[in-house]
PDB file of N, CA and C in Angstrom:
ATOM      1  N   MET A   1     -18.737  23.158  47.509  1.00  0.00           N
ATOM      2  CA  MET A   1     -19.966  23.560  47.754  1.00  0.00           C
ATOM      3  C   MET A   1     -20.694  22.399  47.860  1.00  0.00           C
ATOM      4  N   LYS A   2     -21.760  22.107  48.846  1.00  0.00           N
ATOM      5  CA  LYS A   2     -22.574  20.923  48.881  1.00  0.00           C
ATOM      6  C   LYS A   2     -23.472  20.918  48.048  1.00  0.00           C
ATOM      7  N   ASN A   3     -24.650  20.326  47.824  1.00  0.00           N
ATOM      8  CA  ASN A   3     -25.754  20.006  46.804  1.00  0.00           C
ATOM      9  C   ASN A   3     -26.771  20.320  47.637  1.00  0.00           C
ATOM     10  N   LYS A   4     -27.348  21.840  47.093  1.00  0.00           N
ATOM     11  CA  LYS A   4     -28.346  22.660  48.054  1.00  0.00           C
ATOM     12  C   LYS A   4     -29.378  22.334  46.957  1.00  0.00           C
ATOM     13  N   LYS A   5     -30.437  22.606  47.580  1.00  0.00           N
ATOM     14  CA  LYS A   5     -32.307  23.025  47.387  1.00  0.00           C
ATOM     15  C   LYS A   5     -32.285  24.217  46.390  1.00  0.00           C
ATOM     16  N   PRO A   6     -32.713  23.875  45.041  1.00  0.00           N
ATOM     17  CA  PRO A   6     -32.719  25.287  44.428  1.00  0.00           C
ATOM     18  C   PRO A   6     -33.764  25.907  45.169  1.00  0.00           C
ATOM     19  N   LEU A   7     -33.092  27.752  44.881  1.00  0.00           N
ATOM     20  CA  LEU A   7     -33.894  28.476  45.019  1.00  0.00           C
ATOM     21  C   LEU A   7     -35.511  29.008  44.844  1.00  0.00           C
ATOM     22  N   THR A   8     -35.526  28.017  43.357  1.00  0.00           N
ATOM     23  CA  THR A   8     -37.272  28.312  43.112  1.00  0.00           C
ATOM     24  C   THR A   8     -37.618  26.436  42.494  1.00  0.00           C
ATOM     25  N   ASP A   9     -38.711  26.447  42.903  1.00  0.00           N
ATOM     26  CA  ASP A   9     -39.389  25.505  42.455  1.00  0.00           C
ATOM     27  C   ASP A   9     -39.756  25.280  40.847  1.00  0.00           C
ATOM     28  N   ASP A  10     -40.458  24.429  40.667  1.00  0.00           N
ATOM     29  CA  ASP A  10     -40.671  24.135  39.047  1.00  0.00           C
ATOM     30  C   ASP A  10     -41.461  25.498  38.619  1.00  0.00           C
ATOM     31  N   GLU A  11     -42.278  25.718  38.835  1.00  0.00           N
ATOM     32  CA  GLU A  11     -43.368  27.218  38.627  1.00  0.00           C
ATOM     33  C   GLU A  11     -42.803  28.094  38.666  1.00  0.00           C
ATOM     34  N   GLY A  12     -41.132  28.264  39.022  1.00  0.00           N
ATOM     35  CA  GLY A  12     -40.165  29.514  39.216  1.00  0.00           C
ATOM     36  C   GLY A  12     -40.632  30.324  40.641  1.00  0.00           C
ATOM     37  N   GLU A  13     -41.076  29.733  41.519  1.00  0.00           N
ATOM     38  CA  GLU A  13     -41.734  30.850  42.657  1.00  0.00           C
ATOM     39  C   GLU A  13     -40.493  30.527  43.699  1.00  0.00           C
ATOM     40  N   VAL A  14     -40.269  31.644  44.365  1.00  0.00           N
ATOM     41  CA  VAL A  14     -38.614  31.612  44.994  1.00  0.00           C
ATOM     42  C   VAL A  14     -39.034  31.076  46.160  1.00  0.00           C
ATOM     43  N   ARG A  15     -38.497  30.053  47.103  1.00  0.00           N
ATOM     44  CA  ARG A  15     -38.830  29.496  48.259  1.00  0.00           C
ATOM     45  C   ARG A  15     -38.185  30.631  49.023  1.00  0.00           C
ATOM     46  N   GLU A  16     -38.793  30.093  50.533  1.00  0.00           N
ATOM     47  CA  GLU A  16     -38.263  31.371  51.511  1.00  0.00           C
ATOM     48  C   GLU A  16     -36.443  30.992  51.592  1.00  0.00           C
ATOM     49  N   LEU A  17     -36.010  31.994  51.965  1.00  0.00           N
ATOM     50  CA  LEU A  17     -34.305  31.497  52.205  1.00  0.00           C
ATOM     51  C   LEU A  17     -34.523  31.989  53.564  1.00  0.00           C
ATOM     52  N   THR A  18     -33.206  30.775  53.866  1.00  0.00           N
ATOM     53  CA  THR A  18     -32.568  30.374  54.874  1.00  0.00           C
ATOM     54  C   THR A  18     -31.203  31.080  55.292  1.00  0.00           C
ATOM     55  N   ALA A  19     -30.589  31.001  56.220  1.00  0.00           N
ATOM     56  CA  ALA A  19     -29.429  31.575  56.540  1.00  0.00           C
ATOM     57  C   ALA A  19     -28.485  30.860  56.110  1.00  0.00           C
ATOM     58  N   GLU A  20     -28.652  29.704  55.710  1.00  0.00           N
ATOM     59  CA  GLU A  20     -27.858  28.520  54.898  1.00  0.00           C
ATOM     60  C   GLU A  20     -27.456  29.616  53.668  1.00  0.00           C
ATOM     61  N   ASP A  21     -28.480  29.629  53.246  1.00  0.00           N
ATOM     62  CA  ASP A  21     -28.900  30.300  51.785  1.00  0.00           C
ATOM     63  C   ASP A  21     -28.308  31.737  51.603  1.00  0.00           C
ATOM     64  N   MET A  22     -28.593  32.955  52.588  1.00  0.00           N
ATOM     65  CA  MET A  22     -27.534  33.991  52.656  1.00  0.00           C
ATOM     66  C   MET A  22     -25.954  34.195  52.748  1.00  0.00           C
ATOM     67  N   LYS A  23     -24.890  32.916  53.460  1.00  0.00           N
ATOM     68  CA  LYS A  23     -23.737  32.535  53.314  1.00  0.00           C
ATOM     69  C   LYS A  23     -23.171  32.681  51.925  1.00  0.00           C
ATOM     70  N   ASP A  24     -24.170  31.962  50.865  1.00  0.00           N
ATOM     71  CA  ASP A  24     -23.307  32.448  49.416  1.00  0.00           C
ATOM     72  C   ASP A  24     -23.622  33.518  48.827  1.00  0.00           C
ATOM     73  N   PHE A  25     -24.655  34.506  49.252  1.00  0.00           N
ATOM     74  CA  PHE A  25     -25.095  35.585  48.558  1.00  0.00           C
ATOM     75  C   PHE A  25     -23.539  36.479  48.582  1.00  0.00           C
ATOM     76  N   ARG A  26     -23.463  37.337  47.429  1.00  0.00           N
ATOM     77  CA  ARG A  26     -22.080  38.589  47.478  1.00  0.00           C
ATOM     78  C   ARG A  26     -22.178  39.646  47.129  1.00  0.00           C
ATOM     79  N   PRO A  27     -21.955  40.538  47.789  1.00  0.00           N
ATOM     80  CA  PRO A  27     -22.653  42.473  47.124  1.00  0.00           C
ATOM     81  C   PRO A  27     -22.501  42.248  45.794  1.00  0.00           C
ATOM     82  N   ILE A  28     -23.591  43.314  45.405  1.00  0.00           N
ATOM     83  CA  ILE A  28     -24.033  43.459  44.018  1.00  0.00           C
ATOM     84  C   ILE A  28     -22.599  43.925  43.486  1.00  0.00           C
ATOM     85  N   GLN A  29     -21.864  44.660  44.067  1.00  0.00           N
ATOM     86  CA  GLN A  29     -20.866  45.456  43.652  1.00  0.00           C
ATOM     87  C   GLN A  29     -19.797  44.419  42.876  1.00  0.00           C
ATOM     88  N   GLU A  30     -19.877  42.913  43.629  1.00  0.00           N
ATOM     89  CA  GLU A  30     -18.739  42.000  42.991  1.00  0.00           C
ATOM     90  C   GLU A  30     -19.333  41.358  41.907  1.00  0.00           C
ATOM     91  N   VAL A  31     -20.602  41.421  42.015  1.00  0.00           N
ATOM     92  CA  VAL A  31     -21.553  40.710  40.623  1.00  0.00           C
ATOM     93  C   VAL A  31     -21.487  41.783  39.251  1.00  0.00           C
ATOM     94  N   LEU A  32     -21.957  42.752  39.752  1.00  0.00           N
ATOM     95  CA  LEU A  32     -22.099  43.675  38.725  1.00  0.00           C
ATOM     96  C   LEU A  32     -21.137  44.922  38.330  1.00  0.00           C
ATOM     97  N   PRO A  33     -20.919  45.171  37.189  1.00  0.00           N
ATOM     98  CA  PRO A  33     -20.046  45.929  36.934  1.00  0.00           C
ATOM     99  C   PRO A  33     -20.254  47.476  37.180  1.00  0.00           C
ATOM    100  N   VAL A  34     -19.333  48.035  37.540  1.00  0.00           N
ATOM    101  CA  VAL A  34     -19.496  49.538  38.365  1.00  0.00           C
ATOM    102  C   VAL A  34     -20.579  50.165  37.620  1.00  0.00           C
ATOM    103  N   ALA A  35     -20.340  50.345  36.180  1.00  0.00           N
ATOM    104  CA  ALA A  35     -20.555  51.440  35.358  1.00  0.00           C
ATOM    105  C   ALA A  35     -22.566  50.665  35.441  1.00  0.00           C
ATOM    106  N   LEU A  36     -22.366  49.866  35.395  1.00  0.00           N
ATOM    107  CA  LEU A  36     -24.248  49.097  35.740  1.00  0.00           C
ATOM    108  C   LEU A  36     -24.894  49.732  36.940  1.00  0.00           C
ATOM    109  N   LEU A  37     -24.498  49.605  38.135  1.00  0.00           N
ATOM    110  CA  LEU A  37     -24.399  49.561  39.539  1.00  0.00           C
ATOM    111  C   LEU A  37     -24.976  51.237  39.270  1.00  0.00           C
ATOM    112  N   TYR A  38     -24.723  52.420  38.267  1.00  0.00           N
ATOM    113  CA  TYR A  38     -25.114  53.809  38.572  1.00  0.00           C
ATOM    114  C   TYR A  38     -26.447  54.054  37.619  1.00  0.00           C
ATOM    115  N   LYS A  39     -27.154  52.714  36.767  1.00  0.00           N
ATOM    116  CA  LYS A  39     -28.014  52.837  35.818  1.00  0.00           C
ATOM    117  C   LYS A  39     -28.845  52.567  35.961  1.00  0.00           C
ATOM    118  N   LEU A  40     -28.702  51.051  37.489  1.00  0.00           N
ATOM    119  CA  LEU A  40     -30.124  50.830  37.701  1.00  0.00           C
ATOM    120  C   LEU A  40     -31.262  51.782  38.648  1.00  0.00           C
ATOM    121  N   GLY A  41     -32.222  51.371  37.662  1.00  0.00           N
ATOM    122  CA  GLY A  41     -33.463  52.283  38.012  1.00  0.00           C
ATOM    123  C   GLY A  41     -33.468  53.921  38.579  1.00  0.00           C
ATOM    124  N   VAL A  42     -32.263  54.314  37.813  1.00  0.00           N
ATOM    125  CA  VAL A  42     -32.414  56.319  37.971  1.00  0.00           C
ATOM    126  C   VAL A  42     -31.943  56.369  36.618  1.00  0.00           C
ATOM    127  N   ARG A  43     -32.694  57.446  36.783  1.00  0.00           N
ATOM    128  CA  ARG A  43     -32.870  58.104  35.054  1.00  0.00           C
ATOM    129  C   ARG A  43     -32.807  59.682  35.672  1.00  0.00           C
ATOM    130  N   GLY A  44     -31.446  60.302  34.764  1.00  0.00           N
ATOM    131  CA  GLY A  44     -30.936  61.338  34.702  1.00  0.00           C
ATOM    132  C   GLY A  44     -31.678  62.772  34.574  1.00  0.00           C
ATOM    133  N   PRO A  45     -31.259  63.602  35.085  1.00  0.00           N
ATOM    134  CA  PRO A  45     -32.396  64.323  34.282  1.00  0.00           C
ATOM    135  C   PRO A  45     -32.059  64.666  32.603  1.00  0.00           C
ATOM    136  N   GLN A  46     -33.225  65.412  32.385  1.00  0.00           N
ATOM    137  CA  GLN A  46     -33.301  65.700  31.379  1.00  0.00           C
ATOM    138  C   GLN A  46     -32.561  67.034  30.461  1.00  0.00           C
ATOM    139  N   LYS A  47     -32.125  67.028  29.466  1.00  0.00           N
ATOM    140  CA  LYS A  47     -31.126  68.410  29.436  1.00  0.00           C
ATOM    141  C   LYS A  47     -32.099  69.312  29.123  1.00  0.00           C
ATOM    142  N   THR A  48     -33.288  69.156  28.472  1.00  0.00           N
ATOM    143  CA  THR A  48     -34.381  69.926  28.552  1.00  0.00           C
ATOM    144  C   THR A  48     -35.624  69.666  28.453  1.00  0.00           C
ATOM    145  N   PRO A  49     -36.288  69.739  29.297  1.00  0.00           N
ATOM    146  CA  PRO A  49     -37.943  69.030  29.697  1.00  0.00           C
ATOM    147  C   PRO A  49     -38.075  69.628  28.570  1.00  0.00           C
ATOM    148  N   THR A  50     -39.415  68.625  28.138  1.00  0.00           N
ATOM    149  CA  THR A  50     -40.140  69.443  27.056  1.00  0.00           C
ATOM    150  C   THR A  50     -42.061  69.053  27.693  1.00  0.00           C
ATOM    151  N   LYS A  51     -41.550  67.852  28.622  1.00  0.00           N
ATOM    152  CA  LYS A  51     -43.433  68.181  29.371  1.00  0.00           C
ATOM    153  C   LYS A  51     -43.028  68.387  30.678  1.00  0.00           C
ATOM    154  N   ASP A  52     -44.221  68.903  30.830  1.00  0.00           N
ATOM    155  CA  ASP A  52     -44.715  68.863  32.417  1.00  0.00           C
ATOM    156  C   ASP A  52     -45.509  67.968  33.095  1.00  0.00           C
ATOM    157  N   ARG A  53     -44.909  67.486  34.294  1.00  0.00           N
ATOM    158  CA  ARG A  53     -45.733  66.435  34.948  1.00  0.00           C
ATOM    159  C   ARG A  53     -47.072  66.700  35.311  1.00  0.00           C
ATOM    160  N   ILE A  54     -47.828  66.377  35.316  1.00  0.00           N
ATOM    161  CA  ILE A  54     -49.222  66.936  35.772  1.00  0.00           C
ATOM    162  C   ILE A  54     -50.282  65.870  35.946  1.00  0.00           C
ATOM    163  N   ASN A  55     -51.256  65.600  37.237  1.00  0.00           N
ATOM    164  CA  ASN A  55     -52.506  64.789  36.848  1.00  0.00           C
ATOM    165  C   ASN A  55     -53.367  65.382  36.485  1.00  0.00           C
ATOM    166  N   ILE A  56     -54.199  64.522  35.523  1.00  0.00           N
ATOM    167  CA  ILE A  56     -55.578  65.320  35.063  1.00  0.00           C
ATOM    168  C   ILE A  56     -56.552  63.816  35.308  1.00  0.00           C
ATOM    169  N   ARG A  57     -57.921  64.255  35.080  1.00  0.00           N
ATOM    170  CA  ARG A  57     -59.054  63.291  35.108  1.00  0.00           C
ATOM    171  C   ARG A  57     -59.521  63.625  33.799  1.00  0.00           C
ATOM    172  N   LEU A  58     -59.566  61.955  32.816  1.00  0.00           N
ATOM    173  CA  LEU A  58     -60.084  62.021  31.706  1.00  0.00           C
ATOM    174  C   LEU A  58     -61.380  61.017  31.713  1.00  0.00           C
ATOM    175  N   SER A  59     -62.556  61.008  30.563  1.00  0.00           N
ATOM    176  CA  SER A  59     -63.503  60.074  31.055  1.00  0.00           C
ATOM    177  C   SER A  59     -62.878  59.222  30.697  1.00  0.00           C
ATOM    178  N   HIS A  60     -63.631  57.750  31.278  1.00  0.00           N
ATOM    179  CA  HIS A  60     -62.932  56.301  31.338  1.00  0.00           C
ATOM    180  C   HIS A  60     -62.853  55.789  29.350  1.00  0.00           C
ATOM    181  N   ASP A  61     -63.970  56.272  28.802  1.00  0.00           N
ATOM    182  CA  ASP A  61     -63.605  55.837  27.209  1.00  0.00           C
ATOM    183  C   ASP A  61     -62.933  56.626  26.606  1.00  0.00           C
ATOM    184  N   VAL A  62     -62.636  57.499  27.108  1.00  0.00           N
ATOM    185  CA  VAL A  62     -61.382  58.270  26.804  1.00  0.00           C
ATOM    186  C   VAL A  62     -59.791  57.634  26.602  1.00  0.00           C
ATOM    187  N   VAL A  63     -59.490  57.197  27.571  1.00  0.00           N
ATOM    188  CA  VAL A  63     -58.565  57.093  28.173  1.00  0.00           C
ATOM    189  C   VAL A  63     -58.347  55.311  27.874  1.00  0.00           C
ATOM    190  N   GLU A  64     -59.503  54.464  27.812  1.00  0.00           N
ATOM    191  CA  GLU A  64     -59.756  53.607  27.169  1.00  0.00           C
ATOM    192  C   GLU A  64     -59.385  53.317  25.575  1.00  0.00           C
ATOM    193  N   HIS A  65     -59.827  54.166  25.082  1.00  0.00           N
ATOM    194  CA  HIS A  65     -59.515  53.954  23.663  1.00  0.00           C
ATOM    195  C   HIS A  65     -57.937  54.350  23.302  1.00  0.00           C
ATOM    196  N   PHE A  66     -57.504  55.380  24.098  1.00  0.00           N
ATOM    197  CA  PHE A  66     -56.284  55.287  24.083  1.00  0.00           C
ATOM    198  C   PHE A  66     -55.438  53.993  24.464  1.00  0.00           C
ATOM    199  N   ARG A  67     -55.484  53.778  25.464  1.00  0.00           N
ATOM    200  CA  ARG A  67     -54.496  52.604  26.041  1.00  0.00           C
ATOM    201  C   ARG A  67     -54.894  51.311  24.905  1.00  0.00           C
ATOM    202  N   ALA A  68     -55.946  51.415  24.283  1.00  0.00           N
ATOM    203  CA  ALA A  68     -55.988  50.351  23.425  1.00  0.00           C
ATOM    204  C   ALA A  68     -54.964  50.629  22.547  1.00  0.00           C
ATOM    205  N   THR A  69     -54.252  51.497  22.277  1.00  0.00           N
ATOM    206  CA  THR A  69     -53.952  51.687  21.222  1.00  0.00           C
ATOM    207  C   THR A  69     -52.106  51.337  21.476  1.00  0.00           C
ATOM    208  N   GLY A  70     -52.085  50.685  22.576  1.00  0.00           N
ATOM    209  CA  GLY A  70     -50.475  50.406  22.725  1.00  0.00           C
ATOM    210  C   GLY A  70     -49.593  51.327  23.616  1.00  0.00           C
ATOM    211  N   PRO A  71     -48.453  50.668  23.758  1.00  0.00           N
ATOM    212  CA  PRO A  71     -47.605  51.698  24.155  1.00  0.00           C
ATOM    213  C   PRO A  71     -47.085  53.357  23.684  1.00  0.00           C
ATOM    214  N   GLY A  72     -47.256  54.197  24.543  1.00  0.00           N
ATOM    215  CA  GLY A  72     -46.866  55.460  23.653  1.00  0.00           C
ATOM    216  C   GLY A  72     -48.798  55.678  23.941  1.00  0.00           C
ATOM    217  N   TRP A  73     -49.653  55.765  24.345  1.00  0.00           N
ATOM    218  CA  TRP A  73     -51.159  56.414  24.516  1.00  0.00           C
ATOM    219  C   TRP A  73     -50.937  57.485  24.737  1.00  0.00           C
ATOM    220  N   GLN A  74     -50.038  57.440  25.934  1.00  0.00           N
ATOM    221  CA  GLN A  74     -50.187  58.742  26.549  1.00  0.00           C
ATOM    222  C   GLN A  74     -49.674  60.110  25.942  1.00  0.00           C
ATOM    223  N   SER A  75     -48.639  59.341  24.969  1.00  0.00           N
ATOM    224  CA  SER A  75     -48.036  60.825  23.943  1.00  0.00           C
ATOM    225  C   SER A  75     -48.846  60.813  23.108  1.00  0.00           C
ATOM    226  N   ARG A  76     -50.059  59.848  22.526  1.00  0.00           N
ATOM    227  CA  ARG A  76     -50.880  59.964  21.601  1.00  0.00           C
ATOM    228  C   ARG A  76     -51.720  61.134  22.147  1.00  0.00           C
ATOM    229  N   ILE A  77     -52.428  60.989  23.430  1.00  0.00           N
ATOM    230  CA  ILE A  77     -53.137  61.899  23.874  1.00  0.00           C
ATOM    231  C   ILE A  77     -52.436  63.244  23.912  1.00  0.00           C
ATOM    232  N   ASP A  78     -51.274  63.500  24.194  1.00  0.00           N
ATOM    233  CA  ASP A  78     -50.694  64.938  24.255  1.00  0.00           C
ATOM    234  C   ASP A  78     -50.611  65.339  22.699  1.00  0.00           C
ATOM    235  N   GLU A  79     -50.462  64.471  21.721  1.00  0.00           N
ATOM    236  CA  GLU A  79     -50.425  64.877  20.376  1.00  0.00           C
ATOM    237  C   GLU A  79     -51.697  65.419  20.149  1.00  0.00           C
ATOM    238  N   ALA A  80     -52.917  64.716  20.384  1.00  0.00           N
ATOM    239  CA  ALA A  80     -54.489  64.707  19.979  1.00  0.00           C
ATOM    240  C   ALA A  80     -54.355  66.372  20.594  1.00  0.00           C
ATOM    241  N   LEU A  81     -53.900  66.634  21.966  1.00  0.00           N
ATOM    242  CA  LEU A  81     -54.617  68.123  22.716  1.00  0.00           C
ATOM    243  C   LEU A  81     -53.441  69.031  21.869  1.00  0.00           C
ATOM    244  N   ARG A  82     -52.692  68.331  21.416  1.00  0.00           N
ATOM    245  CA  ARG A  82     -51.816  69.536  20.690  1.00  0.00           C
ATOM    246  C   ARG A  82     -52.565  70.092  19.459  1.00  0.00           C
ATOM    247  N   GLU A  83     -53.148  69.019  18.697  1.00  0.00           N
ATOM    248  CA  GLU A  83     -53.712  69.544  17.175  1.00  0.00           C
ATOM    249  C   GLU A  83     -54.911  70.244  17.582  1.00  0.00           C
ATOM    250  N   TRP A  84     -55.213  69.952  18.954  1.00  0.00           N
ATOM    251  CA  TRP A  84     -57.123  70.771  19.475  1.00  0.00           C
ATOM    252  C   TRP A  84     -56.201  72.342  19.788  1.00  0.00           C
ATOM    253  N   VAL A  85     -55.122  72.541  19.969  1.00  0.00           N
ATOM    254  CA  VAL A  85     -54.745  73.235  20.212  1.00  0.00           C
ATOM    255  C   VAL A  85     -54.520  74.360  19.183  1.00  0.00           C
ATOM    256  N   ARG A  86     -53.792  73.854  17.747  1.00  0.00           N
ATOM    257  CA  ARG A  86     -53.306  74.478  16.854  1.00  0.00           C
ATOM    258  C   ARG A  86     -54.623  74.793  16.120  1.00  0.00           C
ATOM    259  N   THR A  87     -55.626  74.246  15.987  1.00  0.00           N
ATOM    260  CA  THR A  87     -57.092  74.390  15.254  1.00  0.00           C
ATOM    261  C   THR A  87     -58.109  75.375  15.957  1.00  0.00           C
ATOM    262  N   HIS A  88     -57.834  75.431  17.510  1.00  0.00           N
ATOM    263  CA  HIS A  88     -58.861  76.465  18.227  1.00  0.00           C
ATOM    264  C   HIS A  88     -57.468  77.720  18.684  1.00  0.00           C
ATOM    265  N   ASN A  89     -56.980  78.467  17.780  1.00  0.00           N
ATOM    266  CA  ASN A  89     -56.756  79.352  18.488  1.00  0.00           C
ATOM    267  C   ASN A  89     -57.299  80.560  19.085  1.00  0.00           C
ATOM    268  N   ARG A  90     -57.137  80.826  19.838  1.00  0.00           N
ATOM    269  CA  ARG A  90     -58.070  82.255  20.601  1.00  0.00           C
ATOM    270  C   ARG A  90     -58.035  83.412  19.664  1.00  0.00           C
TER     271      ARG A  90
END
């Protein structure tokens, strides 16, 4: 194998690839195990869907408050709404 120019620079930026670079590439099936190929970015159907996907518009300050609490903030909004529903029965 020839002494080739690195694909990335000192900052980690990938340089433009050439046809010569591409000659050394292999198909993903040769690189990754078959089991991993089917799991990349694909989420299977939930066994029992528990939530509905919707679009909702909320006040900016409400969204910022929940986002500031870190990952899982949407679930915390869901829990706050569940609590409101429990305490406001018709």
